Amino acid sequence: MSFVFQTQYQGDNPAVLIDNMDLFNELVRGSGSSGMLLFQQIAAGELTGLCVAASFWDSVQEGWDGLSAMYADPRIQEIATSADAPTAVGRNVTKLEREHGRPGPGYAGWTSFQGDSVNDEEFANITAIADRNGITAIRMLNNMAAGSNSGTRTAVFYCDSLNNWAEMMAELTTDPSFIAGASRTGFVPVARGLAIVH
């Protein structure tokens, strides 16, 4: 079982975060994380401009202890107190329910939704459509501790080009098997966005 800590940052200079991703990864991996990715929201309604630092852990406690150790590092404290450092404005904890491919830098399109988790057959259909359209990885997450969004789910589609995401969405949302699965699970999208992944 894997969990993701998602810390949201707001500020005028995302380069403070982007330029220090190697350091962040060094520190969280030293505490047991499989790594950290930064999602720079570029088209996400009211979330546009936010950066979300997502770190991946084997347990919730390990995640919190690892992040606490990172924040206590003098190098991180120096970054956090710099004049143009983004401010942490929120944090979510999610549980990884489904995965396909290997996520990495590039782009991501995400959809948050209400409804049950997909079954094996439904996920296989989604991954087949995604693969055909150049999606490099998929993660489906259960938003466990996410304020008013707790209990919703999020599907994240990683890609090398935003065109991959657009083409995949066009096929997926008109696919009869996907539509049937959406009816079975009670799928209702509540938010959608695009991000640069660092």
N, C-alpha and C. Protein backbone atom coordinates (compact mmCIF):
# COMPACT_ATOMS: atom_id res chain seq x y z
N MET A 1 0.85 -1.19 0.00
CA MET A 1 0.00 0.00 0.00
C MET A 1 0.88 1.24 0.00
N SER A 2 0.53 2.23 -0.81
CA SER A 2 1.31 3.45 -0.90
C SER A 2 0.43 4.66 -0.65
N PHE A 3 1.04 5.69 -0.10
CA PHE A 3 0.33 6.92 0.22
C PHE A 3 1.10 8.11 -0.34
N VAL A 4 0.36 9.17 -0.64
CA VAL A 4 0.97 10.37 -1.21
C VAL A 4 0.62 11.57 -0.33
N PHE A 5 1.65 12.29 0.10
CA PHE A 5 1.46 13.57 0.76
C PHE A 5 1.55 14.65 -0.31
N GLN A 6 0.52 15.50 -0.40
CA GLN A 6 0.47 16.57 -1.40
C GLN A 6 0.42 17.91 -0.68
N THR A 7 1.53 18.64 -0.73
CA THR A 7 1.59 19.95 -0.08
C THR A 7 1.46 21.03 -1.14
N GLN A 8 0.51 21.93 -0.93
CA GLN A 8 0.20 22.99 -1.90
C GLN A 8 0.93 24.28 -1.53
N TYR A 9 1.59 24.86 -2.52
CA TYR A 9 2.35 26.10 -2.31
C TYR A 9 1.84 27.19 -3.24
N GLN A 10 1.80 28.41 -2.71
CA GLN A 10 1.36 29.56 -3.49
C GLN A 10 2.43 30.64 -3.40
N GLY A 11 2.74 31.26 -4.53
CA GLY A 11 3.74 32.32 -4.54
C GLY A 11 4.04 32.75 -5.96
N ASP A 12 4.77 33.85 -6.08
CA ASP A 12 5.05 34.41 -7.40
C ASP A 12 6.28 33.81 -8.06
N ASN A 13 7.06 33.02 -7.32
CA ASN A 13 8.31 32.52 -7.87
C ASN A 13 8.44 31.01 -7.68
N PRO A 14 7.77 30.21 -8.53
CA PRO A 14 7.86 28.76 -8.39
C PRO A 14 9.26 28.21 -8.60
N ALA A 15 10.16 29.02 -9.17
CA ALA A 15 11.53 28.55 -9.39
C ALA A 15 12.21 28.18 -8.09
N VAL A 16 11.80 28.79 -6.98
CA VAL A 16 12.38 28.44 -5.68
C VAL A 16 12.16 26.96 -5.39
N LEU A 17 11.00 26.44 -5.76
CA LEU A 17 10.72 25.01 -5.58
C LEU A 17 11.34 24.19 -6.70
N ILE A 18 11.14 24.61 -7.93
CA ILE A 18 11.60 23.83 -9.09
C ILE A 18 13.11 23.61 -9.03
N ASP A 19 13.85 24.67 -8.70
CA ASP A 19 15.31 24.59 -8.71
C ASP A 19 15.87 23.75 -7.57
N ASN A 20 15.05 23.43 -6.58
CA ASN A 20 15.53 22.65 -5.43
C ASN A 20 14.96 21.24 -5.38
N MET A 21 14.39 20.77 -6.49
CA MET A 21 13.80 19.43 -6.49
C MET A 21 14.82 18.33 -6.22
N ASP A 22 16.05 18.51 -6.67
CA ASP A 22 17.08 17.49 -6.38
C ASP A 22 17.31 17.38 -4.88
N LEU A 23 17.39 18.50 -4.20
CA LEU A 23 17.57 18.49 -2.75
C LEU A 23 16.37 17.87 -2.05
N PHE A 24 15.16 18.27 -2.45
CA PHE A 24 13.96 17.70 -1.83
C PHE A 24 13.95 16.17 -1.99
N ASN A 25 14.28 15.70 -3.18
CA ASN A 25 14.29 14.26 -3.42
C ASN A 25 15.36 13.56 -2.60
N GLU A 26 16.52 14.17 -2.48
CA GLU A 26 17.58 13.59 -1.65
C GLU A 26 17.10 13.39 -0.22
N LEU A 27 16.42 14.39 0.31
CA LEU A 27 15.99 14.34 1.71
C LEU A 27 14.85 13.35 1.94
N VAL A 28 13.83 13.37 1.09
CA VAL A 28 12.71 12.46 1.33
C VAL A 28 13.11 11.01 1.07
N ARG A 29 13.95 10.79 0.07
CA ARG A 29 14.41 9.42 -0.18
C ARG A 29 15.25 8.91 0.98
N GLY A 30 15.97 9.80 1.63
CA GLY A 30 16.73 9.41 2.81
C GLY A 30 15.86 8.99 3.97
N SER A 31 14.58 9.38 3.93
CA SER A 31 13.62 8.99 4.97
C SER A 31 12.69 7.87 4.53
N GLY A 32 12.95 7.27 3.36
CA GLY A 32 12.17 6.11 2.94
C GLY A 32 11.19 6.35 1.82
N SER A 33 11.07 7.59 1.33
CA SER A 33 10.15 7.87 0.22
C SER A 33 10.72 7.33 -1.08
N SER A 34 9.83 7.00 -2.00
CA SER A 34 10.28 6.62 -3.34
C SER A 34 10.54 7.84 -4.21
N GLY A 35 10.26 9.04 -3.70
CA GLY A 35 10.58 10.26 -4.42
C GLY A 35 9.51 11.32 -4.32
N MET A 36 9.79 12.45 -4.93
CA MET A 36 8.87 13.59 -4.92
C MET A 36 8.78 14.17 -6.33
N LEU A 37 7.58 14.58 -6.71
CA LEU A 37 7.34 15.29 -7.95
C LEU A 37 6.64 16.61 -7.62
N LEU A 38 6.88 17.62 -8.44
CA LEU A 38 6.25 18.91 -8.25
C LEU A 38 5.31 19.18 -9.42
N PHE A 39 4.03 19.44 -9.11
CA PHE A 39 3.01 19.71 -10.12
C PHE A 39 2.74 21.22 -10.14
N GLN A 40 3.14 21.88 -11.21
CA GLN A 40 2.92 23.31 -11.38
C GLN A 40 1.63 23.50 -12.18
N GLN A 41 0.56 23.92 -11.50
CA GLN A 41 -0.76 23.98 -12.12
C GLN A 41 -0.81 25.12 -13.14
N ILE A 42 -1.09 24.77 -14.40
CA ILE A 42 -1.08 25.79 -15.47
C ILE A 42 -2.47 26.06 -16.03
N ALA A 43 -3.42 25.15 -15.82
CA ALA A 43 -4.80 25.35 -16.27
C ALA A 43 -5.68 24.53 -15.35
N ALA A 44 -6.10 25.14 -14.24
CA ALA A 44 -6.84 24.40 -13.22
C ALA A 44 -7.82 25.29 -12.48
N GLY A 45 -8.45 26.21 -13.22
CA GLY A 45 -9.42 27.09 -12.58
C GLY A 45 -8.78 27.90 -11.47
N GLU A 46 -9.42 27.89 -10.31
CA GLU A 46 -8.93 28.69 -9.18
C GLU A 46 -7.61 28.16 -8.62
N LEU A 47 -7.21 26.95 -9.02
CA LEU A 47 -5.94 26.38 -8.55
C LEU A 47 -4.76 26.75 -9.45
N THR A 48 -5.02 27.42 -10.56
CA THR A 48 -3.94 27.80 -11.48
C THR A 48 -2.91 28.64 -10.74
N GLY A 49 -1.64 28.28 -10.93
CA GLY A 49 -0.55 28.98 -10.26
C GLY A 49 -0.05 28.27 -9.02
N LEU A 50 -0.87 27.40 -8.44
CA LEU A 50 -0.41 26.61 -7.30
C LEU A 50 0.63 25.60 -7.75
N CYS A 51 1.56 25.30 -6.86
CA CYS A 51 2.48 24.17 -7.04
C CYS A 51 2.17 23.14 -5.97
N VAL A 52 2.11 21.88 -6.37
CA VAL A 52 1.80 20.80 -5.44
C VAL A 52 3.00 19.86 -5.40
N ALA A 53 3.62 19.76 -4.23
CA ALA A 53 4.74 18.84 -4.03
C ALA A 53 4.19 17.52 -3.53
N ALA A 54 4.32 16.47 -4.34
CA ALA A 54 3.76 15.15 -4.01
C ALA A 54 4.90 14.19 -3.70
N SER A 55 4.91 13.66 -2.47
CA SER A 55 5.91 12.67 -2.08
C SER A 55 5.21 11.35 -1.78
N PHE A 56 5.90 10.25 -2.06
CA PHE A 56 5.30 8.92 -2.09
C PHE A 56 5.91 8.06 -0.98
N TRP A 57 5.03 7.44 -0.16
CA TRP A 57 5.47 6.75 1.04
C TRP A 57 4.74 5.42 1.22
N ASP A 58 5.34 4.54 2.04
CA ASP A 58 4.72 3.24 2.32
C ASP A 58 3.66 3.32 3.40
N SER A 59 3.68 4.37 4.24
CA SER A 59 2.66 4.53 5.27
C SER A 59 2.46 6.01 5.55
N VAL A 60 1.34 6.34 6.16
CA VAL A 60 1.04 7.74 6.48
C VAL A 60 2.01 8.27 7.52
N GLN A 61 2.29 7.47 8.55
CA GLN A 61 3.21 7.93 9.60
C GLN A 61 4.61 8.14 9.05
N GLU A 62 5.06 7.22 8.19
CA GLU A 62 6.38 7.38 7.57
C GLU A 62 6.44 8.67 6.76
N GLY A 63 5.35 8.97 6.06
CA GLY A 63 5.30 10.19 5.27
C GLY A 63 5.42 11.43 6.13
N TRP A 64 4.65 11.47 7.21
CA TRP A 64 4.71 12.66 8.07
C TRP A 64 6.06 12.79 8.74
N ASP A 65 6.61 11.67 9.23
CA ASP A 65 7.93 11.72 9.87
C ASP A 65 9.00 12.16 8.86
N GLY A 66 8.91 11.64 7.64
CA GLY A 66 9.89 12.00 6.62
C GLY A 66 9.82 13.46 6.22
N LEU A 67 8.61 13.98 6.06
CA LEU A 67 8.47 15.39 5.72
C LEU A 67 8.92 16.28 6.87
N SER A 68 8.61 15.86 8.10
CA SER A 68 9.04 16.64 9.27
C SER A 68 10.56 16.72 9.33
N ALA A 69 11.23 15.60 9.01
CA ALA A 69 12.69 15.61 8.99
C ALA A 69 13.21 16.53 7.89
N MET A 70 12.54 16.53 6.74
CA MET A 70 12.96 17.42 5.66
C MET A 70 12.83 18.88 6.06
N TYR A 71 11.68 19.23 6.66
CA TYR A 71 11.46 20.62 7.05
C TYR A 71 12.46 21.09 8.11
N ALA A 72 12.97 20.15 8.92
CA ALA A 72 13.92 20.50 9.98
C ALA A 72 15.34 20.68 9.46
N ASP A 73 15.60 20.27 8.23
CA ASP A 73 16.94 20.39 7.66
C ASP A 73 17.29 21.88 7.50
N PRO A 74 18.48 22.30 7.93
CA PRO A 74 18.84 23.72 7.84
C PRO A 74 18.76 24.28 6.41
N ARG A 75 19.04 23.46 5.41
CA ARG A 75 18.97 23.94 4.03
C ARG A 75 17.53 24.26 3.63
N ILE A 76 16.59 23.44 4.11
CA ILE A 76 15.18 23.70 3.82
C ILE A 76 14.69 24.92 4.58
N GLN A 77 15.12 25.07 5.81
CA GLN A 77 14.72 26.24 6.59
C GLN A 77 15.23 27.53 5.95
N GLU A 78 16.42 27.47 5.38
CA GLU A 78 16.96 28.65 4.69
C GLU A 78 16.12 29.00 3.46
N ILE A 79 15.73 27.96 2.71
CA ILE A 79 14.88 28.19 1.53
C ILE A 79 13.53 28.75 1.95
N ALA A 80 12.95 28.15 3.01
CA ALA A 80 11.60 28.53 3.45
C ALA A 80 11.53 29.96 3.96
N THR A 81 12.64 30.48 4.47
CA THR A 81 12.63 31.83 5.03
C THR A 81 13.15 32.88 4.05
N SER A 82 13.47 32.47 2.82
CA SER A 82 13.91 33.44 1.82
C SER A 82 12.74 34.33 1.42
N ALA A 83 13.06 35.51 0.95
CA ALA A 83 12.02 36.53 0.70
C ALA A 83 11.00 36.09 -0.33
N ASP A 84 11.42 35.33 -1.34
CA ASP A 84 10.49 34.96 -2.41
C ASP A 84 10.02 33.52 -2.33
N ALA A 85 10.17 32.90 -1.17
CA ALA A 85 9.74 31.50 -1.02
C ALA A 85 8.22 31.40 -1.07
N PRO A 86 7.68 30.45 -1.84
CA PRO A 86 6.23 30.21 -1.82
C PRO A 86 5.76 29.79 -0.43
N THR A 87 4.50 30.04 -0.14
CA THR A 87 3.91 29.71 1.15
C THR A 87 3.08 28.44 1.05
N ALA A 88 3.25 27.54 2.02
CA ALA A 88 2.41 26.35 2.07
C ALA A 88 1.00 26.76 2.48
N VAL A 89 0.01 26.40 1.64
CA VAL A 89 -1.37 26.81 1.90
C VAL A 89 -2.32 25.63 2.09
N GLY A 90 -1.82 24.41 1.99
CA GLY A 90 -2.68 23.25 2.19
C GLY A 90 -1.90 21.96 2.05
N ARG A 91 -2.51 20.89 2.56
CA ARG A 91 -1.88 19.58 2.43
C ARG A 91 -2.97 18.50 2.42
N ASN A 92 -2.81 17.52 1.55
CA ASN A 92 -3.70 16.36 1.47
C ASN A 92 -2.90 15.08 1.64
N VAL A 93 -3.58 14.04 2.11
CA VAL A 93 -3.01 12.69 2.11
C VAL A 93 -3.94 11.81 1.29
N THR A 94 -3.36 11.11 0.31
CA THR A 94 -4.14 10.24 -0.55
C THR A 94 -3.56 8.83 -0.53
N LYS A 95 -4.41 7.86 -0.82
CA LYS A 95 -3.98 6.46 -0.91
C LYS A 95 -3.98 6.03 -2.37
N LEU A 96 -2.89 5.43 -2.80
CA LEU A 96 -2.79 4.95 -4.17
C LEU A 96 -3.64 3.70 -4.34
N GLU A 97 -4.62 3.75 -5.26
CA GLU A 97 -5.50 2.62 -5.50
C GLU A 97 -5.16 1.86 -6.78
N ARG A 98 -4.73 2.56 -7.80
CA ARG A 98 -4.41 1.93 -9.08
C ARG A 98 -3.20 2.62 -9.68
N GLU A 99 -2.33 1.84 -10.34
CA GLU A 99 -1.16 2.44 -10.98
C GLU A 99 -0.83 1.71 -12.26
N HIS A 100 -0.28 2.46 -13.20
CA HIS A 100 0.11 1.93 -14.50
C HIS A 100 1.22 2.81 -15.04
N GLY A 101 2.33 2.23 -15.49
CA GLY A 101 3.44 3.00 -16.00
C GLY A 101 4.26 3.64 -14.90
N ARG A 102 5.22 4.44 -15.32
CA ARG A 102 6.15 5.08 -14.39
C ARG A 102 6.04 6.60 -14.52
N PRO A 103 5.53 7.28 -13.49
CA PRO A 103 5.38 8.74 -13.58
C PRO A 103 6.73 9.44 -13.55
N GLY A 104 6.80 10.58 -14.21
CA GLY A 104 8.03 11.36 -14.22
C GLY A 104 7.78 12.74 -14.75
N PRO A 105 8.84 13.52 -14.90
CA PRO A 105 8.70 14.89 -15.40
C PRO A 105 8.06 14.94 -16.79
N GLY A 106 7.41 16.04 -17.06
CA GLY A 106 6.68 16.23 -18.32
C GLY A 106 5.42 17.02 -18.04
N TYR A 107 4.28 16.41 -18.32
CA TYR A 107 2.98 17.04 -18.06
C TYR A 107 2.04 16.02 -17.41
N ALA A 108 0.97 16.55 -16.82
CA ALA A 108 -0.07 15.67 -16.28
C ALA A 108 -1.42 16.35 -16.42
N GLY A 109 -2.42 15.56 -16.74
CA GLY A 109 -3.81 16.00 -16.67
C GLY A 109 -4.48 15.21 -15.56
N TRP A 110 -5.26 15.88 -14.74
CA TRP A 110 -5.88 15.19 -13.61
C TRP A 110 -7.37 15.51 -13.55
N THR A 111 -8.11 14.54 -13.03
CA THR A 111 -9.55 14.70 -12.81
C THR A 111 -9.88 14.23 -11.41
N SER A 112 -10.48 15.09 -10.61
CA SER A 112 -11.02 14.68 -9.31
C SER A 112 -12.50 14.36 -9.49
N PHE A 113 -12.94 13.30 -8.82
CA PHE A 113 -14.31 12.84 -9.06
C PHE A 113 -14.90 12.16 -7.84
N GLN A 114 -16.21 12.13 -7.82
CA GLN A 114 -16.96 11.34 -6.85
C GLN A 114 -17.28 9.99 -7.48
N GLY A 115 -17.36 8.96 -6.65
CA GLY A 115 -17.69 7.64 -7.16
C GLY A 115 -16.77 6.57 -6.62
N ASP A 116 -17.16 5.32 -6.87
CA ASP A 116 -16.38 4.18 -6.39
C ASP A 116 -15.15 3.95 -7.26
N SER A 117 -14.26 3.11 -6.76
CA SER A 117 -13.07 2.75 -7.52
C SER A 117 -13.44 1.85 -8.70
N VAL A 118 -12.66 1.94 -9.78
CA VAL A 118 -12.90 1.07 -10.93
C VAL A 118 -12.43 -0.34 -10.60
N ASN A 119 -12.99 -1.33 -11.31
CA ASN A 119 -12.55 -2.71 -11.13
C ASN A 119 -11.42 -3.02 -12.11
N ASP A 120 -10.90 -4.25 -12.04
CA ASP A 120 -9.75 -4.61 -12.87
C ASP A 120 -10.04 -4.46 -14.37
N GLU A 121 -11.21 -4.93 -14.79
CA GLU A 121 -11.56 -4.86 -16.21
C GLU A 121 -11.69 -3.41 -16.67
N GLU A 122 -12.31 -2.58 -15.85
CA GLU A 122 -12.49 -1.16 -16.21
C GLU A 122 -11.14 -0.45 -16.28
N PHE A 123 -10.25 -0.77 -15.33
CA PHE A 123 -8.94 -0.12 -15.34
C PHE A 123 -8.12 -0.57 -16.55
N ALA A 124 -8.23 -1.85 -16.90
CA ALA A 124 -7.52 -2.35 -18.08
C ALA A 124 -7.98 -1.62 -19.34
N ASN A 125 -9.27 -1.33 -19.43
CA ASN A 125 -9.79 -0.59 -20.58
C ASN A 125 -9.24 0.84 -20.61
N ILE A 126 -9.20 1.48 -19.44
CA ILE A 126 -8.66 2.84 -19.35
C ILE A 126 -7.19 2.86 -19.75
N THR A 127 -6.41 1.90 -19.25
CA THR A 127 -4.98 1.89 -19.57
C THR A 127 -4.74 1.62 -21.05
N ALA A 128 -5.57 0.78 -21.66
CA ALA A 128 -5.42 0.50 -23.09
C ALA A 128 -5.64 1.77 -23.92
N ILE A 129 -6.68 2.52 -23.57
CA ILE A 129 -6.95 3.78 -24.27
C ILE A 129 -5.82 4.78 -24.02
N ALA A 130 -5.35 4.84 -22.78
CA ALA A 130 -4.26 5.75 -22.45
C ALA A 130 -2.99 5.40 -23.22
N ASP A 131 -2.66 4.12 -23.27
CA ASP A 131 -1.45 3.69 -23.98
C ASP A 131 -1.52 4.06 -25.46
N ARG A 132 -2.69 3.87 -26.06
CA ARG A 132 -2.84 4.19 -27.49
C ARG A 132 -2.59 5.67 -27.78
N ASN A 133 -2.83 6.49 -26.79
CA ASN A 133 -2.73 7.94 -26.99
C ASN A 133 -1.47 8.55 -26.38
N GLY A 134 -0.51 7.72 -26.02
CA GLY A 134 0.78 8.23 -25.57
C GLY A 134 0.87 8.63 -24.12
N ILE A 135 -0.10 8.22 -23.30
CA ILE A 135 -0.01 8.47 -21.86
C ILE A 135 1.08 7.57 -21.29
N THR A 136 1.98 8.14 -20.48
CA THR A 136 3.13 7.38 -19.98
C THR A 136 2.88 6.71 -18.63
N ALA A 137 1.92 7.21 -17.86
CA ALA A 137 1.62 6.62 -16.55
C ALA A 137 0.26 7.10 -16.08
N ILE A 138 -0.37 6.29 -15.22
CA ILE A 138 -1.65 6.64 -14.60
C ILE A 138 -1.54 6.35 -13.11
N ARG A 139 -2.09 7.23 -12.30
CA ARG A 139 -2.24 6.98 -10.88
C ARG A 139 -3.67 7.33 -10.49
N MET A 140 -4.35 6.42 -9.79
CA MET A 140 -5.68 6.69 -9.26
C MET A 140 -5.59 6.72 -7.74
N LEU A 141 -6.06 7.81 -7.15
CA LEU A 141 -5.85 8.09 -5.74
C LEU A 141 -7.17 8.28 -5.01
N ASN A 142 -7.22 7.79 -3.78
CA ASN A 142 -8.35 8.02 -2.89
C ASN A 142 -7.96 9.15 -1.94
N ASN A 143 -8.70 10.25 -1.99
CA ASN A 143 -8.37 11.42 -1.17
C ASN A 143 -8.86 11.20 0.26
N MET A 144 -7.96 10.71 1.11
CA MET A 144 -8.32 10.29 2.46
C MET A 144 -8.49 11.46 3.42
N ALA A 145 -7.49 12.33 3.45
CA ALA A 145 -7.51 13.50 4.34
C ALA A 145 -7.27 14.71 3.46
N ALA A 146 -8.35 15.30 2.97
CA ALA A 146 -8.25 16.36 1.97
C ALA A 146 -9.29 17.45 2.19
N GLY A 147 -9.56 17.75 3.46
CA GLY A 147 -10.53 18.79 3.75
C GLY A 147 -11.89 18.47 3.16
N SER A 148 -12.48 19.45 2.48
CA SER A 148 -13.82 19.25 1.91
C SER A 148 -13.82 18.27 0.75
N ASN A 149 -12.64 17.91 0.23
CA ASN A 149 -12.55 16.95 -0.86
C ASN A 149 -12.33 15.52 -0.38
N SER A 150 -12.31 15.31 0.92
CA SER A 150 -12.11 13.96 1.46
C SER A 150 -13.22 13.04 0.97
N GLY A 151 -12.82 11.83 0.58
CA GLY A 151 -13.78 10.86 0.06
C GLY A 151 -13.92 10.88 -1.45
N THR A 152 -13.38 11.91 -2.09
CA THR A 152 -13.35 11.91 -3.56
C THR A 152 -12.12 11.13 -4.03
N ARG A 153 -12.00 10.98 -5.32
CA ARG A 153 -10.84 10.31 -5.91
C ARG A 153 -10.24 11.22 -6.98
N THR A 154 -8.99 10.95 -7.32
CA THR A 154 -8.31 11.71 -8.37
C THR A 154 -7.59 10.74 -9.30
N ALA A 155 -7.78 10.92 -10.59
CA ALA A 155 -7.03 10.17 -11.61
C ALA A 155 -6.02 11.12 -12.24
N VAL A 156 -4.76 10.70 -12.26
CA VAL A 156 -3.68 11.52 -12.82
C VAL A 156 -3.10 10.80 -14.03
N PHE A 157 -3.06 11.50 -15.16
CA PHE A 157 -2.54 10.94 -16.41
C PHE A 157 -1.27 11.70 -16.79
N TYR A 158 -0.14 11.01 -16.76
CA TYR A 158 1.15 11.62 -17.09
C TYR A 158 1.40 11.49 -18.60
N CYS A 159 2.05 12.51 -19.18
CA CYS A 159 2.28 12.49 -20.62
C CYS A 159 3.46 13.39 -20.98
N ASP A 160 3.98 13.19 -22.18
CA ASP A 160 5.07 14.02 -22.68
C ASP A 160 4.56 15.28 -23.38
N SER A 161 3.32 15.25 -23.82
CA SER A 161 2.69 16.39 -24.49
C SER A 161 1.25 16.51 -24.02
N LEU A 162 0.77 17.73 -23.86
CA LEU A 162 -0.62 17.93 -23.49
C LEU A 162 -1.57 17.42 -24.56
N ASN A 163 -1.08 17.31 -25.80
CA ASN A 163 -1.91 16.73 -26.86
C ASN A 163 -2.23 15.27 -26.57
N ASN A 164 -1.29 14.54 -25.95
CA ASN A 164 -1.56 13.16 -25.57
C ASN A 164 -2.77 13.09 -24.64
N TRP A 165 -2.79 13.99 -23.66
CA TRP A 165 -3.91 14.02 -22.70
C TRP A 165 -5.21 14.36 -23.42
N ALA A 166 -5.19 15.39 -24.28
CA ALA A 166 -6.42 15.82 -24.96
C ALA A 166 -6.97 14.71 -25.85
N GLU A 167 -6.09 14.02 -26.57
CA GLU A 167 -6.53 12.94 -27.45
C GLU A 167 -7.06 11.76 -26.65
N MET A 168 -6.40 11.46 -25.53
CA MET A 168 -6.87 10.38 -24.68
C MET A 168 -8.25 10.69 -24.10
N MET A 169 -8.45 11.93 -23.64
CA MET A 169 -9.73 12.31 -23.06
C MET A 169 -10.84 12.23 -24.10
N ALA A 170 -10.55 12.63 -25.32
CA ALA A 170 -11.56 12.58 -26.38
C ALA A 170 -12.01 11.15 -26.64
N GLU A 171 -11.07 10.21 -26.63
CA GLU A 171 -11.44 8.81 -26.85
C GLU A 171 -12.08 8.20 -25.62
N LEU A 172 -11.50 8.48 -24.45
CA LEU A 172 -11.99 7.86 -23.22
C LEU A 172 -13.44 8.24 -22.93
N THR A 173 -13.76 9.51 -23.04
CA THR A 173 -15.09 9.97 -22.63
C THR A 173 -16.19 9.60 -23.60
N THR A 174 -15.83 9.04 -24.75
CA THR A 174 -16.84 8.55 -25.70
C THR A 174 -16.80 7.03 -25.84
N ASP A 175 -15.94 6.38 -25.06
CA ASP A 175 -15.80 4.93 -25.15
C ASP A 175 -16.96 4.24 -24.44
N PRO A 176 -17.69 3.33 -25.11
CA PRO A 176 -18.86 2.70 -24.48
C PRO A 176 -18.53 1.95 -23.20
N SER A 177 -17.39 1.28 -23.14
CA SER A 177 -17.02 0.53 -21.93
C SER A 177 -16.72 1.48 -20.78
N PHE A 178 -16.07 2.60 -21.08
CA PHE A 178 -15.82 3.58 -20.03
C PHE A 178 -17.12 4.18 -19.53
N ILE A 179 -18.02 4.50 -20.43
CA ILE A 179 -19.31 5.08 -20.05
C ILE A 179 -20.10 4.11 -19.17
N ALA A 180 -20.05 2.82 -19.51
CA ALA A 180 -20.74 1.82 -18.69
C ALA A 180 -20.11 1.73 -17.31
N GLY A 181 -18.78 1.76 -17.25
CA GLY A 181 -18.09 1.73 -15.96
C GLY A 181 -18.38 2.95 -15.13
N ALA A 182 -18.45 4.11 -15.78
CA ALA A 182 -18.76 5.34 -15.06
C ALA A 182 -20.15 5.28 -14.45
N SER A 183 -21.08 4.66 -15.16
CA SER A 183 -22.43 4.49 -14.63
C SER A 183 -22.42 3.56 -13.42
N ARG A 184 -21.66 2.47 -13.51
CA ARG A 184 -21.60 1.50 -12.41
C ARG A 184 -21.00 2.11 -11.15
N THR A 185 -19.93 2.91 -11.31
CA THR A 185 -19.22 3.46 -10.16
C THR A 185 -19.81 4.77 -9.65
N GLY A 186 -20.75 5.35 -10.39
CA GLY A 186 -21.29 6.65 -10.00
C GLY A 186 -20.33 7.79 -10.24
N PHE A 187 -19.53 7.68 -11.30
CA PHE A 187 -18.51 8.67 -11.63
C PHE A 187 -19.12 10.03 -11.91
N VAL A 188 -18.69 11.04 -11.13
CA VAL A 188 -19.10 12.43 -11.35
C VAL A 188 -17.85 13.30 -11.21
N PRO A 189 -17.33 13.86 -12.30
CA PRO A 189 -16.14 14.72 -12.19
C PRO A 189 -16.48 16.01 -11.45
N VAL A 190 -15.58 16.43 -10.56
CA VAL A 190 -15.81 17.66 -9.79
C VAL A 190 -14.73 18.71 -10.04
N ALA A 191 -13.60 18.32 -10.60
CA ALA A 191 -12.53 19.27 -10.92
C ALA A 191 -11.59 18.63 -11.92
N ARG A 192 -10.95 19.47 -12.71
CA ARG A 192 -10.01 18.95 -13.71
C ARG A 192 -8.93 20.01 -13.93
N GLY A 193 -7.71 19.56 -14.21
CA GLY A 193 -6.64 20.53 -14.43
C GLY A 193 -5.47 19.93 -15.18
N LEU A 194 -4.57 20.82 -15.58
CA LEU A 194 -3.34 20.45 -16.28
C LEU A 194 -2.16 21.03 -15.51
N ALA A 195 -1.06 20.28 -15.51
CA ALA A 195 0.11 20.71 -14.76
C ALA A 195 1.39 20.35 -15.51
N ILE A 196 2.42 21.17 -15.31
CA ILE A 196 3.78 20.79 -15.67
C ILE A 196 4.33 19.99 -14.51
N VAL A 197 4.96 18.85 -14.81
CA VAL A 197 5.52 18.00 -13.76
C VAL A 197 7.03 18.15 -13.74
N HIS A 198 7.56 18.53 -12.59
CA HIS A 198 9.00 18.70 -12.42
C HIS A 198 9.55 17.58 -11.52
